[in-house]
Protein backbone atom coordinates (compact mmCIF):
# COMPACT_ATOMS: atom_id res chain seq x y z
CA UNK A 1 -22.40 13.95 -45.77
CA UNK A 2 -26.14 13.76 -45.21
CA UNK A 3 -28.03 16.54 -43.47
CA UNK A 4 -29.42 15.63 -39.92
CA UNK A 5 -33.22 15.68 -39.47
CA UNK A 6 -33.31 16.05 -35.53
CA UNK A 7 -35.42 12.89 -34.86
CA UNK A 8 -33.05 11.72 -32.12
CA UNK A 9 -33.65 14.96 -30.23
CA UNK A 10 -37.39 14.38 -30.44
CA UNK A 11 -36.99 10.85 -29.07
CA UNK A 12 -34.86 12.14 -26.24
CA UNK A 13 -37.42 14.77 -25.39
CA UNK A 14 -40.23 12.22 -25.49
CA UNK A 15 -38.32 9.84 -23.27
CA UNK A 16 -37.45 12.72 -20.92
CA UNK A 17 -41.10 13.71 -20.72
CA UNK A 18 -42.16 10.16 -19.97
CA UNK A 19 -39.49 9.91 -17.30
CA UNK A 20 -40.73 13.17 -15.80
CA UNK A 21 -44.27 11.78 -15.64
CA UNK A 22 -43.00 8.66 -13.93
CA UNK A 23 -40.93 10.73 -11.49
CA UNK A 24 -43.81 13.07 -10.68
CA UNK A 25 -46.14 10.09 -10.25
CA UNK A 26 -43.63 8.48 -7.93
CA UNK A 27 -43.25 11.70 -5.99
CA UNK A 28 -47.02 12.03 -5.66
CA UNK A 29 -47.33 8.42 -4.52
CA UNK A 30 -44.51 9.04 -2.05
CA UNK A 31 -46.32 12.09 -0.67
CA UNK A 32 -49.55 10.07 -0.36
CA UNK A 33 -47.69 7.25 1.38
CA UNK A 34 -46.04 9.76 3.68
CA UNK A 35 -49.38 11.28 4.52
CA UNK A 36 -50.93 7.86 5.06
CA UNK A 37 -48.03 6.91 7.32
CA UNK A 38 -48.39 10.16 9.20
CA UNK A 39 -52.13 9.71 9.60
CA UNK A 40 -51.63 6.12 10.70
CA UNK A 41 -49.06 7.24 13.24
CA UNK A 42 -51.38 9.94 14.54
CA UNK A 43 -54.21 7.39 14.72
CA UNK A 44 -51.99 5.02 16.70
CA UNK A 45 -51.00 7.90 18.95
CA UNK A 46 -54.66 8.80 19.49
CA UNK A 47 -55.37 5.18 20.40
CA UNK A 48 -52.49 5.16 22.85
CA UNK A 49 -53.76 8.40 24.40
CA UNK A 50 -57.25 6.85 24.74
CA UNK A 51 -55.66 3.89 26.53
CA UNK A 52 -53.72 6.27 28.74
CA UNK A 53 -56.99 8.01 29.60
CA UNK A 54 -58.58 4.74 30.73
CA UNK A 55 -55.49 3.86 32.76
CA UNK A 56 -55.26 7.23 34.51
CA UNK A 57 -59.01 7.47 35.12
CA UNK A 58 -59.00 4.04 36.69
CA UNK A 59 -56.19 5.12 38.99
CA UNK A 60 -58.28 8.13 40.02
CA UNK A 61 -61.26 5.86 40.67
CA UNK A 62 -59.10 3.60 42.84
CA UNK A 63 -58.18 6.65 44.91
CA UNK A 64 -61.87 7.56 45.18
CA UNK A 65 -62.57 4.14 46.72
CA UNK A 66 -60.95 5.42 49.92
CA UNK A 67 -64.19 7.36 50.57
CA UNK A 68 -66.17 4.06 50.69
CA UNK A 69 -68.68 4.98 47.97
CA UNK A 70 -71.92 3.02 47.93
CA UNK A 71 -72.93 4.00 44.38
CA UNK A 72 -71.29 4.77 41.06
CA UNK A 73 -72.43 8.39 41.37
CA UNK A 74 -70.51 8.72 44.64
CA UNK A 75 -67.51 6.96 43.13
CA UNK A 76 -67.14 9.26 40.10
CA UNK A 77 -68.16 12.49 41.83
CA UNK A 78 -65.31 14.98 41.68
CA UNK A 79 -62.99 12.68 39.72
CA UNK A 80 -61.24 14.61 36.91
CA UNK A 81 -62.30 13.48 33.41
CA UNK A 82 -59.61 15.20 31.31
CA UNK A 83 -55.87 15.04 30.99
CA UNK A 84 -52.87 15.57 28.71
CA UNK A 85 -51.37 12.61 26.94
CA UNK A 86 -47.74 11.59 27.24
CA UNK A 87 -47.28 12.49 23.53
CA UNK A 88 -46.98 16.12 22.44
CA UNK A 89 -50.22 17.82 21.38
CA UNK A 90 -52.40 14.96 22.71
CA UNK A 91 -55.29 14.93 25.15
CA UNK A 92 -57.99 12.63 26.46
CA UNK A 93 -61.56 13.25 27.61
CA UNK A 94 -63.62 10.80 29.71
CA UNK A 95 -67.37 10.22 29.72
CA UNK A 96 -69.19 7.76 32.02
CA UNK A 97 -72.42 5.87 31.41
CA UNK A 98 -73.96 4.03 34.38
CA UNK A 99 -76.34 1.11 34.73
CA UNK A 100 -76.82 0.20 38.36
CA UNK A 101 -73.47 -0.72 39.85
CA UNK A 102 -71.99 -1.34 36.39
CA UNK A 103 -70.67 1.54 34.33
CA UNK A 104 -68.83 2.22 31.07
CA UNK A 105 -65.87 4.59 30.84
CA UNK A 106 -65.36 6.02 27.35
CA UNK A 107 -61.99 7.64 26.69
CA UNK A 108 -61.64 9.92 23.64
CA UNK A 109 -57.96 10.23 22.71
CA UNK A 110 -56.98 13.10 20.39
CA UNK A 111 -53.73 14.14 18.65
CA UNK A 112 -53.33 17.58 17.05
CA UNK A 113 -56.82 18.66 18.04
CA UNK A 114 -59.34 16.79 15.91
CA UNK A 115 -56.87 15.61 13.29
CA UNK A 116 -56.65 12.20 14.97
CA UNK A 117 -59.31 10.73 17.24
CA UNK A 118 -59.85 7.35 18.82
CA UNK A 119 -62.31 5.95 21.37
CA UNK A 120 -61.74 3.20 23.87
CA UNK A 121 -64.58 1.94 26.08
CA UNK A 122 -63.88 -0.01 29.27
CA UNK A 123 -66.55 -1.59 31.47
CA UNK A 124 -66.30 -1.71 35.27
CA UNK A 125 -68.43 -2.78 38.19
CA UNK A 126 -68.47 -1.21 41.64
CA UNK A 127 -68.76 -3.75 44.40
CA UNK A 128 -69.53 -1.72 47.55
CA UNK A 129 -67.94 -2.76 50.80
CA UNK A 130 -69.71 -5.81 52.20
CA UNK A 131 -72.10 -4.73 54.88
CA UNK A 132 -73.83 -6.46 57.72
CA UNK A 133 -77.23 -5.40 58.97
CA UNK A 134 -77.53 -4.70 62.68
CA UNK A 135 -80.43 -7.16 62.65
CA UNK A 136 -78.48 -10.42 62.80
CA UNK A 137 -80.07 -12.14 65.80
CA UNK A 138 -83.50 -12.81 67.22
CA UNK A 139 -82.59 -11.34 70.60
CA UNK A 140 -79.66 -9.09 71.50
CA UNK A 141 -79.69 -8.12 75.16
CA UNK A 142 -76.61 -6.00 75.64
CA UNK A 143 -76.56 -6.38 79.42
CA UNK A 144 -78.65 -9.49 79.83
CA UNK A 145 -81.46 -11.74 78.64
CA UNK A 146 -84.04 -13.33 80.94
CA UNK A 147 -86.64 -15.55 79.31
CA UNK A 148 -88.91 -17.23 81.84
CA UNK A 149 -92.16 -17.83 79.99
CA UNK A 150 -93.30 -20.52 77.65
CA UNK A 151 -92.73 -18.80 74.33
CA UNK A 152 -90.14 -20.25 71.96
CA UNK A 153 -87.36 -18.34 70.22
CA UNK A 154 -86.89 -19.45 66.62
CA UNK A 155 -86.70 -18.01 63.07
CA UNK A 156 -88.30 -17.87 59.66
CA UNK A 157 -87.84 -15.94 56.40
CA UNK A 158 -90.67 -13.68 55.27
CA UNK A 159 -89.01 -13.20 51.86
CA UNK A 160 -89.60 -16.90 51.13
CA UNK A 161 -92.93 -17.57 52.79
CA UNK A 162 -94.97 -17.47 55.96
CA UNK A 163 -93.75 -18.41 59.40
CA UNK A 164 -95.32 -21.87 59.19
CA UNK A 165 -93.82 -22.45 55.74
CA UNK A 166 -90.24 -21.34 56.49
CA UNK A 167 -89.66 -21.65 60.25
CA UNK A 168 -86.17 -22.82 61.20
CA UNK A 169 -83.70 -22.99 64.10
CA UNK A 170 -81.75 -19.75 63.64
CA UNK A 171 -83.27 -17.81 66.52
CA UNK A 172 -79.96 -16.80 68.10
CA UNK A 173 -79.73 -15.08 71.49
CA UNK A 174 -76.74 -12.84 72.33
CA UNK A 175 -75.39 -10.62 75.07
CA UNK A 176 -72.45 -8.39 74.24
CA UNK A 177 -71.43 -6.16 77.15
CA UNK A 178 -69.26 -6.98 80.19
CA UNK A 179 -70.51 -10.01 82.13
CA UNK A 180 -74.04 -10.02 80.75
CA UNK A 181 -75.89 -13.24 81.55
CA UNK A 182 -78.51 -15.23 79.69
CA UNK A 183 -81.07 -16.83 81.98
CA UNK A 184 -83.49 -19.38 80.53
CA UNK A 185 -86.14 -20.69 82.88
CA UNK A 186 -89.64 -22.07 82.62
CA UNK A 187 -90.11 -23.62 79.21
CA UNK A 188 -88.68 -21.19 76.67
CA UNK A 189 -86.88 -23.33 74.10
CA UNK A 190 -84.20 -21.50 72.15
CA UNK A 191 -84.08 -22.78 68.59
CA UNK A 192 -80.71 -21.30 67.77
CA UNK A 193 -77.33 -20.48 69.31
CA UNK A 194 -76.82 -18.73 72.64
CA UNK A 195 -73.79 -16.50 73.12
CA UNK A 196 -73.20 -14.65 76.36
CA UNK A 197 -70.46 -12.37 77.60
CA UNK A 198 -71.49 -13.55 81.09
CA UNK A 199 -72.98 -16.81 82.36
CA UNK A 200 -75.52 -18.94 80.53
CA UNK A 201 -78.05 -20.35 83.01
CA UNK A 202 -80.29 -23.18 81.82
CA UNK A 203 -83.07 -23.55 84.38
CA UNK A 204 -86.32 -25.40 84.34
CA UNK A 205 -86.87 -27.43 81.21
CA UNK A 206 -85.72 -24.89 78.62
CA UNK A 207 -83.61 -26.63 75.95
CA UNK A 208 -81.21 -24.92 73.54
CA UNK A 209 -81.34 -26.30 70.01
CA UNK A 210 -77.94 -24.95 69.03
CA UNK A 211 -74.49 -24.21 70.41
CA UNK A 212 -73.83 -22.49 73.74
CA UNK A 213 -70.89 -20.12 74.05
CA UNK A 214 -69.95 -18.11 77.14
CA UNK A 215 -67.06 -15.95 78.30
CA UNK A 216 -67.76 -16.68 81.98
CA UNK A 217 -69.45 -20.00 82.52
CA UNK A 218 -72.31 -22.39 81.73
CA UNK A 219 -74.65 -23.56 84.49
CA UNK A 220 -77.17 -26.29 83.61
CA UNK A 221 -79.70 -26.96 86.37
CA UNK A 222 -80.94 -30.40 87.53
CA UNK A 223 -83.48 -31.88 85.17
CA UNK A 224 -84.83 -35.07 83.71
CA UNK A 225 -82.85 -37.11 81.23
CA UNK A 226 -84.05 -34.99 78.29
CA UNK A 227 -81.94 -32.89 75.90
CA UNK A 228 -80.63 -29.67 77.46
CA UNK A 229 -78.28 -28.56 74.66
CA UNK A 230 -78.62 -29.86 71.11
CA UNK A 231 -75.16 -28.75 70.08
CA UNK A 232 -71.76 -28.02 71.62
CA UNK A 233 -70.87 -26.10 74.76
CA UNK A 234 -67.95 -23.63 74.78
CA UNK A 235 -67.02 -21.88 78.01
CA UNK A 236 -64.06 -19.65 78.74
CA UNK A 237 -64.86 -20.15 82.41
CA UNK A 238 -66.54 -22.91 84.43
CA UNK A 239 -68.89 -25.66 83.31
CA UNK A 240 -71.58 -27.09 85.62
CA UNK A 241 -73.87 -29.81 84.36
CA UNK A 242 -76.43 -31.10 86.88
CA UNK A 243 -78.76 -33.12 84.71
CA UNK A 244 -79.93 -33.98 81.20
CA UNK A 245 -78.05 -34.51 77.97
CA UNK A 246 -75.73 -32.50 75.71
CA UNK A 247 -75.73 -33.97 72.21
CA UNK A 248 -72.39 -32.42 71.18
CA UNK A 249 -69.13 -32.01 73.11
CA UNK A 250 -67.89 -29.64 75.83
CA UNK A 251 -64.87 -27.32 76.00
CA UNK A 252 -64.24 -25.33 79.19
CA UNK A 253 -61.23 -23.19 80.15
CA UNK A 254 -62.16 -23.37 83.85
CA UNK A 255 -63.36 -26.06 86.26
CA UNK A 256 -65.75 -28.75 85.07
CA UNK A 257 -68.42 -30.33 87.28
CA UNK A 258 -71.01 -32.97 86.37
CA UNK A 259 -73.64 -34.40 88.72
CA UNK A 260 -75.50 -37.72 88.66
CA UNK A 261 -77.55 -38.15 85.48
CA UNK A 262 -75.64 -35.50 83.52
CA UNK A 263 -74.52 -36.88 80.17
CA UNK A 264 -72.48 -35.80 77.11
CA UNK A 265 -73.53 -37.77 74.02
CA UNK A 266 -70.92 -36.43 71.55
CA UNK A 267 -73.00 -37.58 68.59
CA UNK A 268 -70.55 -35.97 66.17
CA UNK A 269 -67.89 -38.47 67.24
CA UNK A 270 -65.28 -35.94 68.33
CA UNK A 271 -62.07 -37.35 69.78
CA UNK A 272 -63.00 -35.94 73.21
CA UNK A 273 -66.42 -35.73 74.83
CA UNK A 274 -65.08 -33.04 77.11
CA UNK A 275 -61.88 -31.03 77.61
CA UNK A 276 -61.28 -28.65 80.52
CA UNK A 277 -58.35 -26.64 81.81
CA UNK A 278 -59.21 -26.48 85.54
CA UNK A 279 -60.18 -29.14 88.02
CA UNK A 280 -62.77 -31.82 87.27
CA UNK A 281 -65.53 -33.34 89.41
CA UNK A 282 -67.55 -36.11 87.77
CA UNK A 283 -69.84 -38.12 90.04
CA UNK A 284 -71.46 -40.57 87.64
CA UNK A 285 -69.02 -43.36 86.86
CA UNK A 286 -71.46 -45.04 84.52
CA UNK A 287 -72.36 -42.15 82.19
CA UNK A 288 -69.42 -39.77 82.43
CA UNK A 289 -66.79 -41.68 80.53
CA UNK A 290 -65.56 -42.16 76.94
CA UNK A 291 -64.23 -45.46 75.59
CA UNK A 292 -64.20 -46.76 79.13
CA UNK A 293 -62.10 -43.83 80.41
CA UNK A 294 -63.66 -41.60 83.06
CA UNK A 295 -63.75 -37.85 82.44
CA UNK A 296 -61.56 -37.32 85.50
CA UNK A 297 -58.67 -38.97 83.66
CA UNK A 298 -55.76 -36.59 82.85
CA UNK A 299 -56.30 -37.15 79.11
CA UNK A 300 -59.34 -34.86 79.29
CA UNK A 301 -57.53 -32.08 81.14
CA UNK A 302 -55.77 -29.61 78.82
CA UNK A 303 -54.05 -26.78 80.65
CA UNK A 304 -53.47 -24.65 77.55
CA UNK A 305 -57.02 -25.10 76.20
CA UNK A 306 -58.28 -22.04 74.28
CA UNK A 307 -61.94 -21.28 73.58
CA UNK A 308 -62.86 -18.50 71.17
CA UNK A 309 -64.39 -15.59 73.11
CA UNK A 310 -67.72 -13.95 72.56
CA UNK A 311 -67.04 -10.51 71.13
CA UNK A 312 -67.75 -7.77 73.67
CA UNK A 313 -67.33 -4.03 74.04
CA UNK A 314 -63.64 -3.23 74.57
CA UNK A 315 -62.51 0.42 74.91
CA UNK A 316 -58.90 -0.73 74.55
CA UNK A 317 -59.41 -2.29 71.14
CA UNK A 318 -57.44 -0.70 68.26
CA UNK A 319 -60.61 0.21 66.34
CA UNK A 320 -62.31 1.91 69.30
CA UNK A 321 -64.25 4.97 68.15
CA UNK A 322 -65.13 7.66 70.74
CA UNK A 323 -68.15 8.59 68.61
CA UNK A 324 -69.44 5.05 69.16
CA UNK A 325 -68.46 4.42 72.76
CA UNK A 326 -70.41 1.20 73.06
CA UNK A 327 -70.48 -0.03 69.52
CA UNK A 328 -71.15 -3.70 70.28
CA UNK A 329 -74.41 -2.76 71.96
CA UNK A 330 -75.12 0.41 69.97
CA UNK A 331 -73.40 0.06 66.59
CA UNK A 332 -75.51 2.90 65.20
CA UNK A 333 -74.39 5.32 67.94
CA UNK A 334 -78.05 6.32 68.09
CA UNK A 335 -78.20 8.16 71.45
CA UNK A 336 -74.99 9.97 70.52
CA UNK A 337 -76.61 11.22 67.29
CA UNK A 338 -80.25 11.55 68.33
CA UNK A 339 -79.97 15.34 68.69
CA UNK A 340 -79.22 15.48 64.96
CA UNK A 341 -82.51 13.67 64.32
CA UNK A 342 -84.75 15.24 66.97
CA UNK A 343 -83.90 18.80 68.00
CA UNK A 344 -83.95 18.93 71.83
CA UNK A 345 -85.22 22.54 71.62
CA UNK A 346 -88.09 21.74 69.27
CA UNK A 347 -91.59 23.16 69.32
CA UNK A 348 -93.34 19.90 68.39
CA UNK A 349 -96.98 19.32 69.35
CA UNK A 350 -98.65 16.19 70.72
CA UNK A 351 -100.59 13.79 68.52
CA UNK A 352 -103.64 12.03 69.94
CA UNK A 353 -105.94 9.78 67.96
CA UNK A 354 -109.00 8.72 69.89
CA UNK A 355 -112.46 7.25 69.60
CA UNK A 356 -113.75 6.66 66.07
CA UNK A 357 -110.88 8.59 64.54
CA UNK A 358 -108.89 7.32 61.55
CA UNK A 359 -105.75 9.23 60.66
CA UNK A 360 -104.25 8.32 57.29
CA UNK A 361 -100.50 8.86 56.85
CA UNK A 362 -98.74 9.09 53.52
CA UNK A 363 -95.05 10.07 53.21
CA UNK A 364 -95.90 13.75 52.67
CA UNK A 365 -99.07 14.44 54.63
CA UNK A 366 -101.65 13.02 57.04
CA UNK A 367 -105.41 13.58 56.93
CA UNK A 368 -108.40 12.40 58.94
CA UNK A 369 -110.11 9.87 56.77
CA UNK A 370 -113.73 10.65 57.64
CA UNK A 371 -113.78 14.31 56.62
CA UNK A 372 -110.50 14.70 54.74
CA UNK A 373 -109.34 17.49 57.00
CA UNK A 374 -105.70 18.22 56.34
CA UNK A 375 -103.77 17.88 59.59
CA UNK A 376 -100.04 17.27 59.30
CA UNK A 377 -97.42 17.98 56.66
CA UNK A 378 -94.10 16.15 56.73
CA UNK A 379 -91.00 18.28 57.26
CA UNK A 380 -87.73 17.94 55.39
CA UNK A 381 -85.19 16.17 57.60
CA UNK A 382 -81.82 14.62 56.79
CA UNK A 383 -81.38 11.48 58.91
CA UNK A 384 -77.91 9.98 58.97
CA UNK A 385 -79.23 6.41 59.15
CA UNK A 386 -80.90 6.91 55.78
CA UNK A 387 -77.64 7.49 53.91
CA UNK A 388 -77.68 5.35 50.79
CA UNK A 389 -81.45 4.79 51.03
CA UNK A 390 -83.98 6.42 48.74
CA UNK A 391 -87.08 7.01 50.84
CA UNK A 392 -90.15 6.11 48.82
CA UNK A 393 -92.19 9.32 48.78
CA UNK A 394 -94.58 8.19 46.09
CA UNK A 395 -92.59 9.85 43.27
CA UNK A 396 -89.46 8.27 41.80
CA UNK A 397 -87.82 11.60 41.02
CA UNK A 398 -87.82 12.86 44.62
CA UNK A 399 -84.86 12.25 46.91
CA UNK A 400 -85.65 14.55 49.84
CA UNK A 401 -86.17 12.90 53.25
CA UNK A 402 -89.45 13.83 54.90
CA UNK A 403 -90.59 13.13 58.47
CA UNK A 404 -93.54 13.91 60.77
CA UNK A 405 -92.47 15.44 64.13
CA UNK A 406 -94.49 15.04 67.34
CA UNK A 407 -93.92 15.78 71.01
CA UNK A 408 -95.69 12.59 71.99
CA UNK A 409 -98.02 10.13 70.28
CA UNK A 410 -101.03 8.50 71.89
CA UNK A 411 -103.40 6.13 70.15
CA UNK A 412 -106.34 5.17 72.38
CA UNK A 413 -109.88 3.86 72.52
CA UNK A 414 -110.64 2.46 69.05
CA UNK A 415 -108.58 5.00 67.12
CA UNK A 416 -106.80 3.90 63.97
CA UNK A 417 -103.78 5.01 61.98
CA UNK A 418 -103.22 3.91 58.39
CA UNK A 419 -99.88 4.06 56.58
CA UNK A 420 -99.74 3.83 52.78
CA UNK A 421 -98.09 5.25 49.69
CA UNK A 422 -94.45 4.69 50.64
CA UNK A 423 -92.06 5.12 53.56
CA UNK A 424 -93.44 7.15 56.49
CA UNK A 425 -91.11 8.47 59.22
CA UNK A 426 -92.16 9.66 62.67
CA UNK A 427 -90.01 11.71 65.03
CA UNK A 428 -91.44 11.42 68.55
CA UNK A 429 -89.75 13.52 71.23
CA UNK A 430 -91.58 11.78 74.05
CA UNK A 431 -93.67 8.68 74.75
CA UNK A 432 -95.49 6.59 72.18
CA UNK A 433 -98.49 4.77 73.63
CA UNK A 434 -100.90 2.34 71.99
CA UNK A 435 -103.75 1.21 74.26
CA UNK A 436 -107.33 0.02 74.05
CA UNK A 437 -108.60 -1.56 70.86
CA UNK A 438 -106.38 0.60 68.66
CA UNK A 439 -104.65 -0.26 65.44
CA UNK A 440 -101.83 0.86 63.16
CA UNK A 441 -102.33 -0.59 59.70
CA UNK A 442 -99.36 -0.62 57.30
CA UNK A 443 -100.32 -1.36 53.73
CA UNK A 444 -98.30 -3.53 51.38
CA UNK A 445 -95.32 -1.69 49.88
CA UNK A 446 -95.24 0.87 52.69
CA UNK A 447 -93.30 1.18 55.94
CA UNK A 448 -93.33 3.05 59.24
CA UNK A 449 -90.04 4.06 60.88
CA UNK A 450 -90.19 5.63 64.34
CA UNK A 451 -87.40 7.57 66.06
CA UNK A 452 -88.22 8.32 69.68
CA UNK A 453 -86.63 9.68 72.84
CA UNK A 454 -89.37 8.36 75.13
CA UNK A 455 -91.03 5.15 76.25
CA UNK A 456 -92.92 2.91 73.83
CA UNK A 457 -95.87 0.93 75.13
CA UNK A 458 -98.04 -1.46 73.11
CA UNK A 459 -100.64 -3.05 75.35
CA UNK A 460 -104.15 -4.36 75.84
CA UNK A 461 -105.69 -5.16 72.45
CA UNK A 462 -103.55 -2.69 70.50
CA UNK A 463 -102.37 -3.95 67.14
CA UNK A 464 -99.71 -3.08 64.59
CA UNK A 465 -100.72 -4.89 61.43
CA UNK A 466 -98.38 -5.21 58.45
CA UNK A 467 -100.06 -6.43 55.29
CA UNK A 468 -96.71 -7.78 54.13
CA UNK A 469 -93.90 -8.60 56.54
CA UNK A 470 -90.19 -8.12 55.89
CA UNK A 471 -88.62 -5.34 53.85
CA UNK A 472 -89.97 -2.80 51.40
CA UNK A 473 -88.35 -2.21 48.01
CA UNK A 474 -86.33 0.60 49.59
CA UNK A 475 -84.79 -1.88 52.05
CA UNK A 476 -86.65 -0.70 55.16
CA UNK A 477 -88.40 -2.96 57.69
CA UNK A 478 -92.14 -2.50 57.38
CA UNK A 479 -92.23 -1.39 61.04
CA UNK A 480 -89.19 -0.36 63.06
CA UNK A 481 -88.56 1.60 66.25
CA UNK A 482 -85.27 3.33 67.13
CA UNK A 483 -85.15 4.65 70.69
CA UNK A 484 -82.59 6.60 72.71
CA UNK A 485 -84.59 6.23 75.96
CA UNK A 486 -82.20 5.43 78.83
CA UNK A 487 -84.48 4.69 81.78
CA UNK A 488 -85.98 1.29 82.78
CA UNK A 489 -88.71 -0.42 80.77
CA UNK A 490 -88.38 1.76 77.71
CA UNK A 491 -90.21 -0.66 75.41
CA UNK A 492 -93.14 -2.72 76.69
CA UNK A 493 -95.13 -5.19 74.61
CA UNK A 494 -97.91 -6.60 76.78
CA UNK A 495 -100.72 -7.12 74.33
CA UNK A 496 -102.55 -10.24 73.29
CA UNK A 497 -102.12 -9.56 69.58
CA UNK A 498 -99.11 -10.48 67.49
CA UNK A 499 -96.58 -7.80 66.58
CA UNK A 500 -94.13 -7.56 63.68
CA UNK A 501 -91.31 -5.09 64.37
CA UNK A 502 -87.58 -4.42 64.33
CA UNK A 503 -86.78 -2.90 67.73
CA UNK A 504 -83.53 -1.03 68.40
CA UNK A 505 -83.40 0.39 71.94
CA UNK A 506 -79.86 -0.14 73.28
CA UNK A 507 -80.11 1.84 76.53
CA UNK A 508 -83.28 0.52 78.11
CA UNK A 509 -85.03 -2.66 79.21
CA UNK A 510 -87.38 -4.34 76.76
CA UNK A 511 -90.31 -6.21 78.31
CA UNK A 512 -92.18 -8.86 76.35
CA UNK A 513 -94.80 -10.01 78.83
CA UNK A 514 -97.99 -10.46 76.85
CA UNK A 515 -99.53 -13.50 75.24
CA UNK A 516 -99.13 -12.34 71.64
CA UNK A 517 -96.33 -13.50 69.38
CA UNK A 518 -93.46 -11.20 68.42
CA UNK A 519 -92.09 -11.45 64.85
CA UNK A 520 -88.97 -9.61 63.75
CA UNK A 521 -86.00 -8.84 66.00
CA UNK A 522 -85.28 -7.03 69.25
CA UNK A 523 -82.16 -5.30 70.62
CA UNK A 524 -82.06 -3.64 74.02
CA UNK A 525 -79.94 -3.09 77.11
CA UNK A 526 -81.70 -6.10 78.60
CA UNK A 527 -84.51 -8.32 77.40
CA UNK A 528 -87.09 -9.85 79.70
CA UNK A 529 -89.65 -12.27 78.31
CA UNK A 530 -92.48 -13.68 80.42
CA UNK A 531 -95.87 -15.16 79.74
CA UNK A 532 -96.39 -16.84 76.41
CA UNK A 533 -94.73 -14.33 74.09
CA UNK A 534 -92.60 -16.16 71.54
CA UNK A 535 -89.90 -14.40 69.55
CA UNK A 536 -89.66 -15.36 65.89
CA UNK A 537 -86.68 -13.85 64.10
CA UNK A 538 -87.31 -12.80 60.50
CA UNK A 539 -84.09 -13.60 58.63
CA UNK A 540 -85.16 -11.24 55.82
CA UNK A 541 -84.12 -8.41 58.18
CA UNK A 542 -80.48 -9.41 57.68
CA UNK A 543 -80.79 -7.60 54.33
CA UNK A 544 -82.25 -4.40 55.79
CA UNK A 545 -80.74 -1.26 54.27
CA UNK A 546 -80.95 1.00 57.31
CA UNK A 547 -78.17 0.82 59.85
CA UNK A 548 -75.88 -1.47 57.86
CA UNK A 549 -72.30 -1.53 59.10
CA UNK A 550 -69.22 -2.44 57.00
CA UNK A 551 -67.29 -5.25 58.68
CA UNK A 552 -63.80 -4.49 59.95
CA UNK A 553 -61.45 -4.10 57.00
CA UNK A 554 -64.23 -4.24 54.42
CA UNK A 555 -63.59 -2.02 51.39
CA UNK A 556 -65.41 -1.42 48.10
CA UNK A 557 -63.86 -2.93 45.00
CA UNK A 558 -63.56 -1.86 41.37
CA UNK A 559 -63.96 -4.85 39.04
CA UNK A 560 -62.79 -4.67 35.40
CA UNK A 561 -65.38 -6.29 33.11
CA UNK A 562 -63.85 -5.85 29.62
CA UNK A 563 -63.10 -3.30 26.87
CA UNK A 564 -63.55 -2.54 23.18
CA UNK A 565 -62.58 0.14 20.64
CA UNK A 566 -65.29 2.35 19.22
CA UNK A 567 -65.18 4.23 15.89
CA UNK A 568 -64.98 7.98 16.18
CA UNK A 569 -68.05 9.67 14.67
CA UNK A 570 -67.67 13.25 13.53
CA UNK A 571 -71.38 13.99 13.89
CA UNK A 572 -71.19 13.11 17.58
CA UNK A 573 -68.43 15.64 18.09
CA UNK A 574 -70.35 18.27 16.10
CA UNK A 575 -73.48 17.57 18.15
CA UNK A 576 -71.53 18.00 21.37
CA UNK A 577 -70.27 21.37 20.16
């Protein structure tokens, strides 16, 4: 027998060593794969937590919409930006970047502290509740409108051009309280619609180039064969037509009466020239018929006829607000809140600007122009009507509201007041009088807003000159007057010069009895226009920022614009620490 050399043992040991290397390599690869799988799982979990953060933050924003925010800053104020994820040891953090009404929400999802991080960015847009400016009509006479002169009521748009370039037939006239009538006499053509809670009286030769709508009745006086209404007539009460032509059709829930020469053209070709629910008296058998059938025929009488009413003040309505007891006439509740604007126990002093004096107002201070003597400094004052408006104070970083308080304001002789540098506010606890050859000059880009408890009178050759009509960049009318005066004739414009203004004086009579033209809009308890003063509604005022009111049921909306994932950068986290 041969002696063994042990080579087989060596081969076995070599093979065993190789197998061990393979096994250890496999184990190491398995550990790496396990770690990769674990990291991938944590990364997925971090992504899911980031998504959860976006979802929960959006839910919180939706709840914040209840407060009717007008800006992204108001929307996100007080909304929690952190939260725990649904997975153990996970958390999300929210950061918001804004750009106007659009904003980005970045959610950082984390698992096991900083061991797994993921970012998700979602873009949203805040659409504030739709709002309607209080300046929607040329003339709003809460308790009545009486226009007896020769001036026309029409419209234009200062944001698009001059009056001559953009004039149109949207000069609407409204009354909104009780049985408030509209009386049109002389030759005051209304180039727009007329809506009255009371009776609409068309006297003289005044035509209406629009629709007529009344809750009580329509009374058209005898006239020539000319056009009396270039539109339709809607009456929830009676209809009396004594002469002239109506180009549209007629609907009346009461009695209908037409005299000789009264005619309904129905140029739109409606199935019925006239429909009425009460009795009918039609004297002209030649004109007052349709397709050979006289208006007295039963086919024109509809007992259950319904005409849409003109909206009026109703204390029994479900949205009645005691803080705004007469919201149709005074939607701003101005007299109710005037004490918060002008302190009734103030120690204001009078302001008088007389012969050869020029007082220059800027948002912060006023000085006499000839010698530079410092006179008045504006006081800080929070005015509720300025919510959501950044008053232009000449510096973009300032947000404080400033106003000049006076006991009364009188501009006489040839005195002048200049307004420049931004938005100037006056608080006048008394009368404001402009007489003689005086002038208020408002430079381009600036505005003058007046809050007053007294009477406003602009007469003789007094002028208020706006270099640029319409609205400033801050959304304010270049010249506006808000009055809580509650005695007769609280606003009187009797001058020969033209005036651009937005007038809000819901408790007093407004008299327009001069020969100058009025551009802008006017709202008062009653409006009386005589002489040659025309009223030209500036439709740009429909976009005024002050005094806007959300329509019934209007709510802001949160619009989702898209999303994307964003790589997590360690240096960003280190910088934040």
